[in-house]
N, C-alpha and C. Protein backbone atom coordinates (compact mmCIF):
# COMPACT_ATOMS: atom_id res chain seq x y z
N MET A 1 -25.70 -30.52 -40.78
CA MET A 1 -24.57 -30.87 -39.86
C MET A 1 -23.60 -29.47 -39.65
N SER A 2 -23.36 -29.17 -38.46
CA SER A 2 -22.15 -27.81 -38.40
C SER A 2 -21.02 -28.17 -38.80
N ARG A 3 -20.45 -27.17 -39.19
CA ARG A 3 -19.05 -27.13 -39.70
C ARG A 3 -18.31 -26.24 -38.73
N LEU A 4 -16.91 -26.64 -38.54
CA LEU A 4 -16.12 -25.82 -37.62
C LEU A 4 -15.21 -24.99 -38.74
N ILE A 5 -15.34 -23.62 -38.57
CA ILE A 5 -14.74 -22.56 -39.31
C ILE A 5 -13.84 -21.72 -38.41
N VAL A 6 -12.64 -21.58 -38.97
CA VAL A 6 -11.68 -20.79 -38.39
C VAL A 6 -11.79 -19.40 -39.09
N ASN A 7 -11.96 -18.32 -38.04
CA ASN A 7 -11.99 -16.81 -38.72
C ASN A 7 -10.75 -16.26 -37.85
N GLN A 8 -9.60 -15.85 -38.60
CA GLN A 8 -8.52 -15.36 -38.02
C GLN A 8 -7.89 -14.15 -38.90
N THR A 9 -7.64 -13.04 -38.21
CA THR A 9 -6.60 -12.20 -38.84
C THR A 9 -5.26 -12.52 -38.65
N ILE A 10 -4.63 -12.29 -39.63
CA ILE A 10 -3.04 -12.65 -39.56
C ILE A 10 -2.22 -11.88 -40.32
N THR A 11 -0.83 -11.52 -40.09
CA THR A 11 -0.09 -10.54 -40.88
C THR A 11 0.42 -11.47 -41.93
N ALA A 12 1.18 -10.85 -43.01
CA ALA A 12 1.68 -11.51 -44.13
C ALA A 12 2.68 -12.82 -43.90
N ASP A 13 3.20 -12.60 -42.62
CA ASP A 13 4.07 -13.75 -42.28
C ASP A 13 3.31 -14.95 -41.04
N GLY A 14 2.09 -14.56 -41.06
CA GLY A 14 1.44 -15.78 -40.52
C GLY A 14 1.02 -15.29 -38.89
N TYR A 15 1.34 -14.33 -38.23
CA TYR A 15 1.04 -13.85 -36.82
C TYR A 15 -0.27 -13.35 -36.59
N ALA A 16 -0.64 -14.08 -35.62
CA ALA A 16 -2.14 -13.55 -34.97
C ALA A 16 -2.04 -12.45 -33.93
N ALA A 17 -0.91 -12.37 -33.42
CA ALA A 17 -0.71 -11.42 -32.37
C ALA A 17 0.94 -11.40 -32.28
N GLY A 18 1.56 -10.05 -31.74
CA GLY A 18 2.91 -10.00 -31.59
C GLY A 18 3.22 -10.39 -30.30
N VAL A 19 4.56 -9.90 -29.90
CA VAL A 19 5.00 -10.30 -28.52
C VAL A 19 4.48 -9.18 -27.47
N GLY A 20 4.37 -9.70 -26.35
CA GLY A 20 4.21 -8.47 -25.22
C GLY A 20 2.60 -8.44 -25.19
N GLN A 21 1.91 -9.40 -25.23
CA GLN A 21 0.46 -9.19 -25.13
C GLN A 21 0.27 -8.77 -23.51
N SER A 22 -0.93 -7.93 -23.33
CA SER A 22 -1.15 -7.54 -22.04
C SER A 22 -2.48 -6.97 -21.88
N GLU A 23 -3.21 -6.74 -20.82
CA GLU A 23 -4.26 -6.02 -20.74
C GLU A 23 -4.45 -4.86 -21.77
N GLU A 24 -3.41 -4.06 -21.66
CA GLU A 24 -3.51 -2.83 -22.48
C GLU A 24 -3.19 -3.24 -24.04
N ARG A 25 -2.61 -4.16 -24.24
CA ARG A 25 -2.21 -4.51 -25.71
C ARG A 25 -2.71 -5.98 -25.99
N PRO A 26 -4.04 -6.35 -26.01
CA PRO A 26 -4.44 -7.66 -26.14
C PRO A 26 -3.87 -8.30 -27.35
N PHE A 27 -3.31 -7.86 -28.20
CA PHE A 27 -2.80 -8.53 -29.50
C PHE A 27 -1.04 -8.16 -29.47
N GLY A 28 -0.48 -7.68 -28.40
CA GLY A 28 0.75 -7.41 -28.38
C GLY A 28 1.35 -6.07 -29.17
N GLN A 29 2.60 -6.12 -29.45
CA GLN A 29 3.13 -5.14 -30.26
C GLN A 29 3.13 -5.24 -31.69
N ASP A 30 2.15 -4.35 -32.36
CA ASP A 30 1.93 -4.64 -33.81
C ASP A 30 2.47 -3.34 -34.46
N GLY A 31 3.12 -2.40 -33.91
CA GLY A 31 3.28 -1.16 -34.35
C GLY A 31 2.23 -0.17 -34.45
N GLY A 32 1.04 -0.67 -33.86
CA GLY A 32 -0.03 0.65 -33.64
C GLY A 32 -0.20 1.01 -32.26
N ASP A 33 -1.06 1.71 -31.95
CA ASP A 33 -1.17 2.53 -30.72
C ASP A 33 -1.78 1.70 -29.71
N GLY A 34 -2.48 0.52 -30.00
CA GLY A 34 -3.00 -0.17 -28.79
C GLY A 34 -3.79 -1.51 -29.20
N TRP A 35 -4.98 -1.44 -29.46
CA TRP A 35 -5.91 -2.63 -29.30
C TRP A 35 -5.65 -3.31 -30.68
N GLY A 36 -4.49 -3.87 -30.97
CA GLY A 36 -4.22 -4.70 -32.17
C GLY A 36 -4.52 -3.47 -33.59
N ASP A 37 -4.07 -2.23 -33.42
CA ASP A 37 -4.64 -1.24 -34.25
C ASP A 37 -4.41 -1.87 -35.94
N ARG A 38 -3.20 -2.38 -36.06
CA ARG A 38 -2.92 -2.61 -37.29
C ARG A 38 -3.39 -3.75 -37.91
N LEU A 39 -3.47 -4.73 -36.86
CA LEU A 39 -4.11 -6.09 -37.42
C LEU A 39 -5.37 -6.02 -37.59
N HIS A 40 -6.44 -5.14 -37.10
CA HIS A 40 -7.90 -5.15 -37.20
C HIS A 40 -8.50 -4.11 -37.49
N SER A 41 -7.52 -3.10 -38.34
CA SER A 41 -8.23 -1.98 -38.83
C SER A 41 -9.02 -2.12 -39.66
N TRP A 42 -8.87 -3.04 -40.67
CA TRP A 42 -9.85 -3.75 -41.68
C TRP A 42 -11.35 -3.65 -41.13
N MET A 43 -11.45 -4.11 -39.93
CA MET A 43 -12.85 -4.24 -39.16
C MET A 43 -13.37 -2.97 -38.62
N PHE A 44 -12.44 -2.26 -38.09
CA PHE A 44 -12.97 -1.10 -37.37
C PHE A 44 -12.66 0.25 -38.05
N GLU A 45 -11.89 0.39 -38.82
CA GLU A 45 -11.64 1.69 -39.54
C GLU A 45 -12.00 1.56 -41.23
N HIS A 46 -12.32 0.33 -41.50
CA HIS A 46 -12.82 0.11 -42.91
C HIS A 46 -13.82 -0.83 -42.97
N GLY A 47 -14.83 -0.67 -42.07
CA GLY A 47 -15.70 -1.69 -41.68
C GLY A 47 -16.53 -1.75 -42.98
N ASP A 48 -17.05 -0.58 -43.49
CA ASP A 48 -18.15 -0.58 -44.59
C ASP A 48 -17.49 -1.46 -45.92
N GLU A 49 -16.28 -1.33 -46.24
CA GLU A 49 -15.50 -1.96 -47.21
C GLU A 49 -15.61 -3.40 -46.91
N ASN A 50 -15.43 -4.03 -45.87
CA ASN A 50 -15.36 -5.23 -45.35
C ASN A 50 -16.58 -5.96 -44.71
N ARG A 51 -17.76 -5.18 -45.04
CA ARG A 51 -19.13 -5.62 -44.23
C ARG A 51 -19.52 -7.06 -44.08
N ALA A 52 -19.15 -7.65 -45.53
CA ALA A 52 -19.64 -8.83 -45.88
C ALA A 52 -18.87 -9.91 -44.93
N GLU A 53 -17.51 -9.51 -45.04
CA GLU A 53 -16.72 -10.52 -44.16
C GLU A 53 -16.99 -10.42 -42.75
N VAL A 54 -17.22 -9.15 -42.20
CA VAL A 54 -17.54 -9.14 -40.68
C VAL A 54 -18.96 -9.62 -40.29
N GLU A 55 -20.03 -9.36 -41.24
CA GLU A 55 -21.33 -10.41 -41.04
C GLU A 55 -21.23 -11.61 -41.04
N ARG A 56 -20.27 -12.18 -41.94
CA ARG A 56 -20.15 -13.77 -42.01
C ARG A 56 -19.66 -14.20 -40.78
N MET A 57 -18.53 -13.40 -40.34
CA MET A 57 -17.92 -13.88 -38.94
C MET A 57 -18.89 -13.88 -37.78
N ALA A 58 -19.84 -12.95 -37.78
CA ALA A 58 -20.63 -12.95 -36.75
C ALA A 58 -21.79 -13.90 -36.70
N GLY A 59 -22.02 -14.30 -38.05
CA GLY A 59 -23.05 -15.12 -38.06
C GLY A 59 -23.03 -16.79 -37.80
N ALA A 60 -21.92 -17.08 -37.04
CA ALA A 60 -21.72 -18.26 -36.59
C ALA A 60 -22.74 -18.41 -35.29
N ARG A 61 -23.27 -19.76 -35.18
CA ARG A 61 -24.16 -20.07 -34.16
C ARG A 61 -23.51 -20.37 -32.63
N ALA A 62 -22.27 -20.42 -32.79
CA ALA A 62 -21.63 -20.94 -31.45
C ALA A 62 -20.06 -20.60 -31.67
N HIS A 63 -19.35 -20.40 -30.76
CA HIS A 63 -17.82 -19.91 -30.79
C HIS A 63 -17.09 -20.74 -29.86
N ILE A 64 -15.87 -20.80 -30.24
CA ILE A 64 -14.85 -21.34 -29.50
C ILE A 64 -13.77 -20.30 -29.27
N MET A 65 -13.08 -20.19 -28.18
CA MET A 65 -11.83 -19.53 -28.09
C MET A 65 -11.10 -20.08 -26.88
N GLY A 66 -9.58 -19.78 -26.97
CA GLY A 66 -8.78 -20.15 -25.88
C GLY A 66 -8.79 -19.10 -24.64
N ARG A 67 -8.18 -19.37 -23.81
CA ARG A 67 -8.35 -18.48 -22.59
C ARG A 67 -7.45 -17.29 -22.83
N ASN A 68 -6.58 -17.42 -23.43
CA ASN A 68 -5.62 -16.10 -23.94
C ASN A 68 -6.38 -15.15 -24.75
N MET A 69 -7.24 -15.66 -25.84
CA MET A 69 -8.20 -14.87 -26.39
C MET A 69 -9.28 -14.12 -25.47
N PHE A 70 -9.85 -15.17 -24.45
CA PHE A 70 -10.68 -14.47 -23.67
C PHE A 70 -10.20 -13.21 -22.62
N GLY A 71 -8.95 -13.33 -22.14
CA GLY A 71 -8.39 -12.30 -21.68
C GLY A 71 -7.11 -12.57 -20.87
N PRO A 72 -6.46 -11.63 -20.11
CA PRO A 72 -5.07 -11.84 -19.61
C PRO A 72 -4.92 -12.48 -18.34
N VAL A 73 -6.06 -12.84 -17.58
CA VAL A 73 -6.20 -13.48 -16.43
C VAL A 73 -5.51 -14.80 -16.60
N ARG A 74 -4.53 -15.20 -15.71
CA ARG A 74 -4.15 -16.71 -15.76
C ARG A 74 -4.32 -17.28 -14.35
N GLY A 75 -4.16 -18.44 -14.49
CA GLY A 75 -4.29 -19.34 -13.20
C GLY A 75 -5.75 -19.37 -12.75
N ALA A 76 -5.92 -19.44 -11.48
CA ALA A 76 -7.45 -19.47 -10.74
C ALA A 76 -8.04 -18.27 -11.19
N TRP A 77 -9.38 -18.35 -11.17
CA TRP A 77 -10.29 -17.17 -11.62
C TRP A 77 -10.50 -16.51 -10.19
N ASP A 78 -9.41 -15.56 -10.11
CA ASP A 78 -9.30 -14.82 -8.79
C ASP A 78 -9.77 -13.28 -9.35
N SER A 79 -10.08 -13.02 -10.31
CA SER A 79 -10.67 -11.78 -11.00
C SER A 79 -12.17 -11.80 -11.66
N ALA A 80 -12.96 -10.73 -11.60
CA ALA A 80 -14.15 -10.79 -12.30
C ALA A 80 -14.12 -10.58 -13.68
N TRP A 81 -12.92 -10.81 -14.33
CA TRP A 81 -12.79 -10.52 -15.92
C TRP A 81 -13.90 -11.38 -16.71
N ASN A 82 -14.57 -10.57 -17.59
CA ASN A 82 -15.55 -11.17 -18.34
C ASN A 82 -15.37 -10.84 -19.91
N GLY A 83 -14.03 -10.85 -20.09
CA GLY A 83 -13.76 -10.96 -21.65
C GLY A 83 -13.42 -9.61 -21.88
N TRP A 84 -12.67 -9.30 -23.25
CA TRP A 84 -12.11 -7.83 -23.90
C TRP A 84 -13.56 -6.94 -24.32
N TRP A 85 -14.63 -7.62 -24.48
CA TRP A 85 -15.64 -6.83 -25.31
C TRP A 85 -16.64 -6.37 -24.48
N GLY A 86 -16.55 -5.91 -23.19
CA GLY A 86 -17.57 -5.19 -22.51
C GLY A 86 -18.62 -6.05 -21.96
N ASP A 87 -19.93 -5.23 -21.43
CA ASP A 87 -20.74 -5.95 -21.18
C ASP A 87 -21.72 -6.50 -22.19
N GLU A 88 -21.60 -6.34 -23.59
CA GLU A 88 -22.37 -6.71 -24.57
C GLU A 88 -21.66 -7.11 -25.62
N PRO A 89 -21.09 -8.23 -25.31
CA PRO A 89 -20.07 -8.86 -26.35
C PRO A 89 -20.86 -9.22 -27.82
N PRO A 90 -19.81 -9.15 -28.96
CA PRO A 90 -20.66 -9.26 -30.22
C PRO A 90 -20.97 -10.54 -30.54
N PHE A 91 -20.87 -11.58 -29.74
CA PHE A 91 -21.25 -13.07 -30.22
C PHE A 91 -22.59 -13.52 -30.27
N HIS A 92 -23.36 -12.87 -29.35
CA HIS A 92 -24.95 -13.20 -29.26
C HIS A 92 -25.18 -14.59 -29.59
N GLY A 93 -24.51 -15.35 -28.76
CA GLY A 93 -24.83 -16.99 -28.60
C GLY A 93 -23.64 -17.53 -27.63
N PRO A 94 -23.79 -18.80 -27.47
CA PRO A 94 -22.70 -19.29 -26.71
C PRO A 94 -21.24 -19.39 -27.04
N VAL A 95 -20.30 -19.13 -26.26
CA VAL A 95 -18.95 -19.09 -26.65
C VAL A 95 -18.29 -20.13 -25.40
N PHE A 96 -17.54 -20.91 -25.87
CA PHE A 96 -16.99 -21.90 -25.29
C PHE A 96 -15.51 -21.81 -24.96
N VAL A 97 -15.02 -21.42 -23.63
CA VAL A 97 -13.59 -21.13 -23.36
C VAL A 97 -12.85 -22.15 -22.93
N LEU A 98 -11.74 -22.35 -23.39
CA LEU A 98 -10.66 -23.46 -23.01
C LEU A 98 -10.13 -23.01 -22.05
N THR A 99 -10.00 -23.78 -20.93
CA THR A 99 -9.31 -23.25 -19.58
C THR A 99 -8.88 -24.38 -18.80
N HIS A 100 -8.01 -24.28 -17.80
CA HIS A 100 -7.68 -25.63 -17.05
C HIS A 100 -8.53 -25.38 -15.82
N HIS A 101 -9.16 -24.19 -15.33
CA HIS A 101 -9.80 -23.82 -14.32
C HIS A 101 -11.25 -23.72 -14.42
N ALA A 102 -11.98 -24.25 -13.62
CA ALA A 102 -13.37 -24.45 -13.70
C ALA A 102 -13.96 -23.11 -13.12
N ARG A 103 -15.07 -22.76 -13.97
CA ARG A 103 -15.85 -21.59 -13.73
C ARG A 103 -17.29 -21.80 -14.10
N ASP A 104 -18.26 -21.13 -13.28
CA ASP A 104 -19.54 -21.16 -13.74
C ASP A 104 -19.82 -20.33 -14.87
N PRO A 105 -20.97 -20.71 -15.79
CA PRO A 105 -21.14 -20.13 -17.00
C PRO A 105 -21.53 -18.54 -16.44
N GLN A 106 -21.11 -17.67 -17.73
CA GLN A 106 -21.27 -16.20 -17.44
C GLN A 106 -22.13 -15.31 -18.59
N PRO A 107 -23.34 -15.43 -18.13
CA PRO A 107 -24.37 -14.64 -19.07
C PRO A 107 -24.10 -13.35 -19.09
N MET A 108 -24.14 -12.45 -20.68
CA MET A 108 -23.80 -11.49 -20.72
C MET A 108 -24.83 -10.82 -21.50
N ALA A 109 -25.32 -9.32 -21.59
CA ALA A 109 -26.17 -8.84 -22.50
C ALA A 109 -26.13 -9.16 -23.62
N GLY A 110 -27.12 -9.33 -24.51
CA GLY A 110 -27.03 -9.27 -25.80
C GLY A 110 -27.09 -10.97 -26.42
N GLY A 111 -27.23 -11.77 -25.46
CA GLY A 111 -27.43 -13.05 -25.78
C GLY A 111 -26.09 -14.00 -25.65
N THR A 112 -24.99 -13.48 -25.34
CA THR A 112 -23.84 -14.21 -25.24
C THR A 112 -23.88 -14.82 -23.75
N THR A 113 -23.23 -16.00 -23.58
CA THR A 113 -23.15 -16.69 -22.51
C THR A 113 -21.58 -17.35 -22.74
N TYR A 114 -20.61 -17.00 -21.70
CA TYR A 114 -19.41 -17.85 -21.55
C TYR A 114 -19.50 -19.19 -21.02
N HIS A 115 -19.04 -20.20 -21.55
CA HIS A 115 -18.98 -21.41 -21.03
C HIS A 115 -17.61 -21.84 -20.98
N PHE A 116 -17.21 -22.24 -19.81
CA PHE A 116 -15.63 -22.62 -19.46
C PHE A 116 -15.50 -23.88 -19.46
N VAL A 117 -14.84 -24.60 -20.37
CA VAL A 117 -14.52 -26.06 -20.73
C VAL A 117 -13.25 -26.43 -20.17
N THR A 118 -13.00 -27.51 -19.29
CA THR A 118 -11.75 -27.85 -18.84
C THR A 118 -11.41 -29.13 -19.27
N ASP A 119 -12.24 -29.75 -20.25
CA ASP A 119 -11.89 -31.23 -20.59
C ASP A 119 -11.32 -31.14 -21.91
N GLY A 120 -10.70 -30.28 -22.62
CA GLY A 120 -10.22 -30.26 -23.94
C GLY A 120 -11.05 -29.65 -25.25
N ILE A 121 -10.12 -29.77 -26.26
CA ILE A 121 -10.76 -29.15 -27.47
C ILE A 121 -11.92 -29.97 -27.93
N GLU A 122 -11.84 -31.22 -28.05
CA GLU A 122 -12.96 -32.11 -28.37
C GLU A 122 -14.20 -32.12 -27.80
N ALA A 123 -14.06 -31.74 -26.22
CA ALA A 123 -15.25 -31.79 -25.58
C ALA A 123 -15.82 -30.44 -25.85
N ALA A 124 -15.03 -29.42 -25.85
CA ALA A 124 -15.58 -28.01 -26.44
C ALA A 124 -16.12 -27.86 -27.71
N LEU A 125 -15.74 -28.68 -28.68
CA LEU A 125 -16.10 -28.71 -30.05
C LEU A 125 -17.70 -29.45 -29.94
N ALA A 126 -17.53 -30.53 -29.12
CA ALA A 126 -19.05 -31.36 -29.16
C ALA A 126 -20.15 -30.30 -28.50
N ARG A 127 -19.80 -29.82 -27.54
CA ARG A 127 -20.59 -28.85 -26.81
C ARG A 127 -21.18 -27.64 -27.86
N ALA A 128 -20.10 -27.07 -28.47
CA ALA A 128 -20.41 -25.97 -29.66
C ALA A 128 -21.35 -26.39 -30.76
N LYS A 129 -20.85 -27.79 -31.13
CA LYS A 129 -21.78 -28.24 -32.34
C LYS A 129 -23.14 -28.41 -31.87
N GLU A 130 -23.40 -29.04 -30.69
CA GLU A 130 -24.74 -29.21 -30.17
C GLU A 130 -25.49 -28.00 -30.03
N ALA A 131 -24.82 -26.95 -29.56
CA ALA A 131 -25.42 -25.66 -29.36
C ALA A 131 -25.82 -25.03 -30.83
N ALA A 132 -24.89 -25.16 -31.82
CA ALA A 132 -25.02 -24.63 -33.06
C ALA A 132 -26.14 -25.18 -33.76
N GLY A 133 -26.52 -26.65 -33.73
CA GLY A 133 -27.50 -27.36 -34.54
C GLY A 133 -26.63 -27.38 -35.98
N ASP A 134 -27.49 -26.93 -36.93
CA ASP A 134 -27.01 -26.87 -38.13
C ASP A 134 -26.20 -25.73 -38.64
N GLY A 135 -26.02 -24.75 -37.66
CA GLY A 135 -25.11 -23.58 -37.97
C GLY A 135 -23.61 -23.91 -37.75
N GLU A 136 -22.92 -22.75 -38.18
CA GLU A 136 -21.56 -22.74 -38.09
C GLU A 136 -20.90 -22.72 -36.57
N VAL A 137 -19.80 -23.44 -36.39
CA VAL A 137 -19.17 -23.30 -35.23
C VAL A 137 -17.84 -22.34 -35.64
N SER A 138 -17.34 -21.27 -34.83
CA SER A 138 -16.46 -20.37 -35.38
C SER A 138 -15.20 -20.52 -34.22
N ILE A 139 -14.10 -20.67 -34.73
CA ILE A 139 -12.85 -20.77 -33.76
C ILE A 139 -12.44 -19.33 -33.73
N GLN A 140 -12.72 -18.30 -32.57
CA GLN A 140 -12.17 -17.05 -32.74
C GLN A 140 -10.67 -16.84 -32.34
N GLY A 141 -10.08 -17.84 -32.06
CA GLY A 141 -8.61 -17.76 -31.75
C GLY A 141 -8.37 -17.91 -30.24
N GLY A 142 -7.14 -17.63 -29.73
CA GLY A 142 -6.04 -17.38 -30.44
C GLY A 142 -5.31 -18.48 -31.40
N ALA A 143 -4.13 -18.18 -32.14
CA ALA A 143 -3.46 -19.02 -32.87
C ALA A 143 -3.31 -20.47 -32.05
N GLN A 144 -2.75 -20.38 -31.00
CA GLN A 144 -2.42 -21.85 -30.26
C GLN A 144 -3.64 -22.42 -30.25
N THR A 145 -4.85 -22.03 -30.06
CA THR A 145 -6.13 -22.71 -30.05
C THR A 145 -6.39 -23.26 -31.42
N ILE A 146 -6.34 -22.55 -32.27
CA ILE A 146 -6.71 -22.89 -33.78
C ILE A 146 -5.76 -23.98 -34.24
N ASN A 147 -4.39 -23.62 -33.86
CA ASN A 147 -3.40 -24.88 -34.31
C ASN A 147 -3.76 -26.19 -33.81
N GLN A 148 -4.10 -26.12 -32.33
CA GLN A 148 -4.64 -27.54 -31.83
C GLN A 148 -5.65 -28.30 -32.64
N TYR A 149 -6.78 -27.34 -33.10
CA TYR A 149 -7.91 -28.04 -33.98
C TYR A 149 -7.22 -28.51 -35.21
N LEU A 150 -6.42 -27.51 -35.80
CA LEU A 150 -5.95 -27.90 -37.27
C LEU A 150 -5.14 -29.36 -36.90
N ALA A 151 -4.27 -29.41 -36.04
CA ALA A 151 -3.51 -30.44 -35.70
C ALA A 151 -4.09 -31.86 -35.49
N ALA A 152 -5.38 -31.43 -34.96
CA ALA A 152 -6.28 -32.83 -34.75
C ALA A 152 -7.22 -33.08 -35.88
N GLY A 153 -7.08 -32.27 -36.97
CA GLY A 153 -7.82 -32.80 -38.20
C GLY A 153 -9.45 -32.28 -37.87
N LEU A 154 -9.82 -31.13 -37.07
CA LEU A 154 -11.14 -31.07 -36.83
C LEU A 154 -11.73 -29.86 -37.54
N VAL A 155 -10.83 -29.17 -38.23
CA VAL A 155 -11.20 -27.98 -38.86
C VAL A 155 -11.67 -28.13 -40.30
N ASP A 156 -12.75 -27.37 -40.76
CA ASP A 156 -13.49 -27.65 -41.85
C ASP A 156 -12.84 -26.62 -42.89
N GLU A 157 -12.83 -25.59 -42.36
CA GLU A 157 -12.62 -24.33 -43.33
C GLU A 157 -11.99 -23.25 -42.74
N LEU A 158 -11.05 -22.57 -43.31
CA LEU A 158 -10.06 -21.45 -42.90
C LEU A 158 -10.46 -20.34 -43.82
N ARG A 159 -11.10 -19.00 -42.87
CA ARG A 159 -11.13 -17.86 -43.39
C ARG A 159 -10.33 -17.01 -42.86
N LEU A 160 -9.08 -16.60 -43.46
CA LEU A 160 -8.14 -15.79 -43.23
C LEU A 160 -8.19 -14.41 -43.88
N HIS A 161 -7.88 -13.55 -42.75
CA HIS A 161 -7.76 -12.09 -43.20
C HIS A 161 -6.61 -11.64 -42.90
N ILE A 162 -5.69 -11.54 -44.24
CA ILE A 162 -4.32 -11.15 -44.20
C ILE A 162 -3.87 -9.82 -44.47
N VAL A 163 -3.29 -9.09 -43.56
CA VAL A 163 -3.14 -7.63 -43.54
C VAL A 163 -1.54 -7.59 -43.94
N PRO A 164 -1.09 -6.48 -44.73
CA PRO A 164 -0.01 -6.36 -45.33
C PRO A 164 1.18 -5.75 -44.66
N PHE A 165 1.55 -6.49 -43.52
CA PHE A 165 2.58 -6.33 -42.85
C PHE A 165 3.27 -7.42 -42.04
N THR A 166 4.65 -7.44 -41.74
CA THR A 166 5.03 -8.66 -40.99
C THR A 166 5.38 -8.36 -39.74
N LEU A 167 5.51 -9.43 -38.60
CA LEU A 167 5.86 -9.14 -37.27
C LEU A 167 7.19 -9.92 -36.95
N GLY A 168 7.50 -10.79 -37.47
CA GLY A 168 8.56 -11.61 -37.26
C GLY A 168 8.75 -12.44 -35.98
N ALA A 169 7.66 -12.24 -35.02
CA ALA A 169 7.71 -12.90 -33.79
C ALA A 169 6.32 -12.79 -33.07
N GLY A 170 5.94 -13.72 -32.24
CA GLY A 170 4.70 -13.55 -31.56
C GLY A 170 4.12 -14.87 -31.77
N SER A 171 2.71 -15.02 -31.75
CA SER A 171 1.64 -15.98 -31.84
C SER A 171 1.53 -16.31 -33.24
N ARG A 172 1.91 -17.61 -33.77
CA ARG A 172 1.64 -17.74 -35.32
C ARG A 172 0.89 -18.85 -35.68
N LEU A 173 0.07 -18.54 -36.59
CA LEU A 173 -0.89 -19.68 -37.17
C LEU A 173 0.10 -20.73 -37.79
N PHE A 174 -0.47 -21.94 -37.75
CA PHE A 174 0.33 -23.19 -38.40
C PHE A 174 1.54 -23.68 -37.68
N ASP A 175 1.95 -22.89 -36.57
CA ASP A 175 3.27 -23.39 -35.74
C ASP A 175 2.69 -24.89 -35.27
N GLY A 176 3.58 -25.84 -35.51
CA GLY A 176 3.24 -27.25 -35.06
C GLY A 176 2.31 -28.04 -35.70
N VAL A 177 1.55 -27.49 -36.57
CA VAL A 177 0.54 -28.12 -37.40
C VAL A 177 1.37 -29.02 -38.64
N PRO A 178 0.62 -30.11 -38.53
CA PRO A 178 1.23 -31.26 -39.67
C PRO A 178 0.82 -30.75 -41.18
N PRO A 179 1.47 -30.89 -42.17
CA PRO A 179 0.97 -30.39 -43.49
C PRO A 179 -0.26 -30.55 -43.82
N LEU A 180 -1.21 -29.55 -44.37
CA LEU A 180 -2.42 -29.54 -44.85
C LEU A 180 -2.66 -29.57 -46.19
N ASN A 181 -3.72 -30.19 -46.70
CA ASN A 181 -4.20 -29.96 -48.11
C ASN A 181 -5.23 -29.09 -48.21
N LEU A 182 -4.93 -28.03 -48.82
CA LEU A 182 -6.07 -26.84 -48.66
C LEU A 182 -6.61 -26.70 -50.10
N GLU A 183 -8.00 -26.60 -50.31
CA GLU A 183 -8.58 -26.00 -51.55
C GLU A 183 -8.95 -24.37 -51.45
N GLN A 184 -8.57 -23.61 -52.39
CA GLN A 184 -9.07 -22.37 -52.30
C GLN A 184 -10.42 -22.40 -52.74
N VAL A 185 -11.21 -21.60 -52.05
CA VAL A 185 -12.68 -21.27 -52.23
C VAL A 185 -13.09 -19.94 -52.69
N SER A 186 -12.21 -18.92 -52.11
CA SER A 186 -12.49 -17.57 -52.49
C SER A 186 -11.41 -16.74 -52.10
N ALA A 187 -11.28 -15.59 -52.99
CA ALA A 187 -10.21 -14.43 -52.45
C ALA A 187 -10.74 -13.39 -52.86
N ARG A 188 -10.66 -12.25 -52.05
CA ARG A 188 -10.92 -10.97 -52.23
C ARG A 188 -9.99 -9.87 -51.82
N VAL A 189 -9.62 -9.04 -52.56
CA VAL A 189 -8.67 -7.99 -52.38
C VAL A 189 -9.42 -6.53 -51.74
N ALA A 190 -9.16 -6.13 -50.56
CA ALA A 190 -9.61 -5.06 -50.11
C ALA A 190 -8.30 -3.89 -49.81
N SER A 191 -8.81 -2.70 -49.73
CA SER A 191 -7.62 -1.81 -49.65
C SER A 191 -6.76 -1.99 -48.49
N THR A 192 -7.02 -2.66 -47.46
CA THR A 192 -6.11 -2.70 -46.28
C THR A 192 -5.94 -4.38 -45.93
N VAL A 193 -6.60 -5.36 -46.64
CA VAL A 193 -6.66 -6.63 -46.22
C VAL A 193 -6.69 -7.60 -47.61
N LEU A 194 -6.55 -8.75 -47.32
CA LEU A 194 -6.72 -9.80 -48.32
C LEU A 194 -7.66 -10.75 -47.71
N HIS A 195 -8.82 -10.86 -48.07
CA HIS A 195 -9.48 -12.06 -47.65
C HIS A 195 -9.56 -13.48 -48.46
N VAL A 196 -8.91 -14.52 -47.72
CA VAL A 196 -9.15 -15.87 -48.45
C VAL A 196 -9.70 -16.92 -47.57
N THR A 197 -10.41 -17.63 -48.17
CA THR A 197 -11.17 -18.80 -47.79
C THR A 197 -10.63 -20.00 -48.35
N TYR A 198 -10.10 -20.91 -47.53
CA TYR A 198 -9.85 -22.42 -47.86
C TYR A 198 -10.53 -23.51 -47.29
N ARG A 199 -10.86 -24.49 -48.04
CA ARG A 199 -11.47 -25.86 -47.58
C ARG A 199 -10.32 -26.75 -47.12
N VAL A 200 -10.52 -27.22 -45.91
CA VAL A 200 -9.47 -28.25 -45.74
C VAL A 200 -10.01 -29.53 -46.15
N VAL A 201 -8.91 -30.01 -47.05
CA VAL A 201 -9.13 -31.47 -47.57
C VAL A 201 -8.57 -32.81 -46.97
N ARG A 202 -9.81 -33.43 -46.73
CA ARG A 202 -9.22 -34.71 -45.90
C ARG A 202 -8.88 -35.86 -46.91
């Protein structure tokens, strides 16, 4: 049976993105020079050191993300936007994008197809689990989408990648989420990030 896994990079004070998100700065102002530099340098600048975590993240059979994680376009789909990741996204499987505006599925190179789900988080999860079979379903973000799934009691495991700085404002994990019981499964310290895995105890 497939499990729902959260994979999320956060600051030490729990923020997944800073304020002022835009097409130029998808993760807002984090003190870096652009594309979430400080938040995600553990993946892009220190990838060899964190290869196991990156490969584990990429191993999901289906993915869910919020529209804000997919891109900066708001309202009706009046733009040909196909995500931040270019013509060949790293997902290599079905990605279910939560939105209020219907859109036809968008196949991409490398096996990724974006499916746009307008009937809520449970419908997206049902479709993702069907697509994943016995494999994992990964929520790729953003924080608001993750918080909805946490509040609904649908998450099985949290894999958090905690970077050692604070933002103080932005989009924060756990905001509006009722108290959770978590069991620590693993923790590993790397030079620029702490990888922690928690199982959600129901």
